[in-house]
Amino acid sequence: MAKRLLISVMTVASLSMLLFVIGFVCWKLGLGFVSGALYWLAGKIMLLAIGLLVALAAMAFLAALWRELRGYFSAEARTLRRLLSLRVRGLNAQRYWLAQTKQLRYWTGLKRKAALQANNRRHLRTLFRAINADLQAVKSQLPQPDYQHLRKALRQYHRQADIAAMLALREQLPCR
């Protein structure tokens, strides 16, 4: 139907152009009144053709819009959109779960590291106190400069958290 209407519009536009040509020929022949009437009629017919062309374009646009809207709101399209929505929700839930798991692992790792550091500090302090007690016990057996040197070294190793050096210092102490 749109093809027929387009052919009709083109026929009307061709008729208008033909009337313009006939009007020009009449003007060249000196028939001014007939030429003016033909130009007037050709102009009106051309306006009619343009109006029909605009109406045809509007009808084609409305028909396409109607087809698209009908397709968009069809049961099949609604079902497909629903399935895609459920799939997206599932993917979002999976991403959320993975992010939560990653964040939980991060926080538990931080807590584990903090607990390990606290435990290491506690053991280091216990070792320092034990070696310090041993050093106090053998204080009378050592000369004062050696005692001061060992005590200073013990404090330095404690600040540096050097357990191996603290144990090596303990090995240097004479037996009680």
Protein backbone atom coordinates (compact mmCIF):
# COMPACT_ATOMS: atom_id res chain seq x y z
CA MET A 1 0.00 0.00 0.00
CA ALA A 2 2.84 2.39 0.81
CA LYS A 3 4.33 1.64 -2.59
CA ARG A 4 1.07 2.58 -4.33
CA LEU A 5 0.83 5.80 -2.35
CA LEU A 6 4.42 6.69 -3.22
CA ILE A 7 3.73 6.04 -6.91
CA SER A 8 0.60 8.22 -6.63
CA VAL A 9 2.59 11.04 -5.05
CA MET A 10 5.27 10.78 -7.72
CA THR A 11 2.58 10.82 -10.42
CA VAL A 12 1.02 13.97 -8.96
CA ALA A 13 4.48 15.61 -8.72
CA SER A 14 5.19 14.62 -12.35
CA LEU A 15 1.84 16.11 -13.43
CA SER A 16 2.80 19.32 -11.67
CA MET A 17 6.16 19.44 -13.45
CA LEU A 18 4.41 18.77 -16.77
CA LEU A 19 2.04 21.68 -16.10
CA PHE A 20 5.07 23.90 -15.34
CA VAL A 21 6.63 22.93 -18.68
CA ILE A 22 3.35 23.52 -20.58
CA GLY A 23 3.00 26.89 -18.80
CA PHE A 24 6.53 27.83 -19.89
CA VAL A 25 5.75 26.87 -23.49
CA CYS A 26 2.54 28.95 -23.33
CA TRP A 27 4.51 31.90 -21.97
CA LYS A 28 7.00 31.60 -24.84
CA LEU A 29 4.09 31.52 -27.29
CA GLY A 30 2.73 34.73 -25.79
CA LEU A 31 -0.24 33.24 -23.95
CA GLY A 32 0.38 34.97 -20.64
CA PHE A 33 -3.07 34.41 -19.13
CA VAL A 34 -2.99 30.64 -19.85
CA SER A 35 0.61 30.50 -18.65
CA GLY A 36 -0.29 32.21 -15.35
CA ALA A 37 -3.25 29.86 -14.81
CA LEU A 38 -1.06 26.81 -15.51
CA TYR A 39 1.67 28.06 -13.16
CA TRP A 40 -0.91 28.64 -10.43
CA LEU A 41 -2.44 25.19 -10.96
CA ALA A 42 1.02 23.52 -11.12
CA GLY A 43 2.05 25.24 -7.85
CA LYS A 44 -1.09 24.01 -6.09
CA ILE A 45 -0.59 20.49 -7.41
CA MET A 46 3.08 20.57 -6.30
CA LEU A 47 1.95 21.65 -2.82
CA LEU A 48 -0.53 18.79 -2.86
CA ALA A 49 2.25 16.35 -3.85
CA ILE A 50 4.52 17.63 -1.07
CA GLY A 51 1.66 17.41 1.41
CA LEU A 52 0.91 13.85 0.32
CA LEU A 53 4.61 13.00 0.62
CA VAL A 54 4.70 14.41 4.17
CA ALA A 55 1.50 12.52 5.01
CA LEU A 56 3.02 9.35 3.57
CA ALA A 57 6.19 9.82 5.66
CA ALA A 58 4.08 10.45 8.77
CA MET A 59 2.03 7.32 8.09
CA ALA A 60 5.19 5.26 7.55
CA PHE A 61 6.64 6.64 10.79
CA LEU A 62 3.47 5.89 12.74
CA ALA A 63 3.24 2.39 11.23
CA ALA A 64 6.87 1.67 12.17
CA LEU A 65 6.30 3.08 15.65
CA TRP A 66 3.20 0.91 16.07
CA ARG A 67 5.11 -2.20 14.93
CA GLU A 68 7.95 -1.48 17.32
CA LEU A 69 5.65 -0.79 20.25
CA ARG A 70 3.63 -3.91 19.53
CA GLY A 71 6.85 -5.91 19.35
CA TYR A 72 8.20 -4.34 22.54
CA PHE A 73 5.09 -5.14 24.54
CA SER A 74 4.57 -8.60 23.07
CA ALA A 75 4.54 -11.59 25.42
CA GLU A 76 7.71 -13.00 23.86
CA ALA A 77 9.65 -9.74 24.33
CA ARG A 78 8.39 -9.36 27.91
CA THR A 79 9.48 -12.92 28.70
CA LEU A 80 12.87 -12.33 27.13
CA ARG A 81 13.35 -9.10 29.11
CA ARG A 82 12.34 -10.90 32.28
CA LEU A 83 14.87 -13.68 31.64
CA LEU A 84 17.61 -11.14 30.91
CA SER A 85 16.69 -9.24 34.07
CA LEU A 86 16.93 -12.42 36.14
CA ARG A 87 20.28 -13.23 34.55
CA VAL A 88 21.63 -9.76 35.32
CA ARG A 89 20.36 -10.03 38.89
CA GLY A 90 22.08 -13.40 39.25
CA LEU A 91 25.35 -12.00 37.90
CA ASN A 92 25.07 -9.00 40.21
CA ALA A 93 24.41 -11.27 43.20
CA GLN A 94 27.42 -13.39 42.24
CA ARG A 95 29.64 -10.30 41.93
CA TYR A 96 28.33 -9.02 45.27
CA TRP A 97 29.07 -12.37 46.93
CA LEU A 98 32.59 -12.44 45.47
CA ALA A 99 33.23 -8.86 46.63
CA GLN A 100 31.93 -9.68 50.11
CA THR A 101 34.14 -12.79 50.25
CA LYS A 102 37.16 -10.81 49.12
CA GLN A 103 36.48 -8.09 51.69
CA LEU A 104 35.97 -10.68 54.44
CA ARG A 105 39.26 -12.37 53.54
CA TYR A 106 40.99 -9.00 53.59
CA TRP A 107 39.66 -8.10 57.05
CA THR A 108 40.36 -11.55 58.51
CA GLY A 109 43.88 -11.38 57.05
CA LEU A 110 44.40 -8.03 58.75
CA LYS A 111 43.09 -9.40 62.04
CA ARG A 112 45.23 -12.51 61.70
CA LYS A 113 48.31 -10.38 60.98
CA ALA A 114 47.55 -8.11 63.96
CA ALA A 115 47.05 -11.14 66.23
CA LEU A 116 50.31 -12.66 64.99
CA GLN A 117 52.19 -9.42 65.63
CA ALA A 118 50.68 -9.16 69.13
CA ASN A 119 51.61 -12.77 69.80
CA ASN A 120 55.16 -12.17 68.56
CA ARG A 121 55.46 -9.06 70.77
CA ARG A 122 54.20 -11.03 73.78
CA HIS A 123 56.70 -13.84 73.20
CA LEU A 124 59.48 -11.33 72.59
CA ARG A 125 58.62 -9.59 75.87
CA THR A 126 58.54 -12.95 77.68
CA LEU A 127 61.92 -13.90 76.20
CA PHE A 128 63.33 -10.49 77.15
CA ARG A 129 62.13 -10.87 80.73
CA ALA A 130 63.55 -14.42 80.97
CA ILE A 131 66.95 -13.38 79.61
CA ASN A 132 66.92 -10.26 81.78
CA ALA A 133 66.18 -12.44 84.84
CA ASP A 134 69.06 -14.74 83.88
CA LEU A 135 71.29 -11.71 83.42
CA GLN A 136 70.27 -10.40 86.87
CA ALA A 137 71.02 -13.82 88.34
CA VAL A 138 74.57 -13.84 86.99
CA LYS A 139 75.20 -10.13 87.67
CA SER A 140 77.45 -10.92 90.61
CA GLN A 141 79.56 -13.31 88.52
CA LEU A 142 80.24 -10.77 85.73
CA PRO A 143 82.42 -7.66 85.80
CA GLN A 144 80.41 -4.44 85.73
CA PRO A 145 81.45 -3.36 82.14
CA ASP A 146 80.55 -6.81 80.75
CA TYR A 147 77.21 -6.74 82.57
CA GLN A 148 76.46 -3.24 81.21
CA HIS A 149 77.46 -4.31 77.72
CA LEU A 150 75.25 -7.42 77.83
CA ARG A 151 72.31 -5.45 79.25
CA LYS A 152 72.66 -2.75 76.55
CA ALA A 153 72.89 -5.43 73.83
CA LEU A 154 69.79 -7.17 75.25
CA ARG A 155 67.77 -3.92 75.13
CA GLN A 156 68.95 -3.18 71.59
CA TYR A 157 68.03 -6.69 70.39
CA HIS A 158 64.64 -6.32 72.09
CA ARG A 159 63.99 -3.01 70.26
CA GLN A 160 65.06 -4.60 66.97
CA ALA A 161 62.92 -7.69 67.71
CA ASP A 162 65.94 -9.88 66.88
CA ILE A 163 65.09 -13.17 68.58
CA ALA A 164 68.11 -15.04 67.21
CA ALA A 165 70.48 -12.41 68.62
CA MET A 166 68.68 -12.52 71.99
CA LEU A 167 69.07 -16.31 72.14
CA ALA A 168 72.73 -16.03 71.12
CA LEU A 169 73.22 -13.48 73.96
CA ARG A 170 71.61 -15.91 76.38
CA GLU A 171 74.12 -18.56 75.28
CA GLN A 172 76.92 -16.14 76.24
CA LEU A 173 75.75 -15.95 79.85
CA PRO A 174 77.68 -18.14 82.27
CA CYS A 175 75.71 -20.90 83.95
CA ARG A 176 74.32 -20.14 87.42
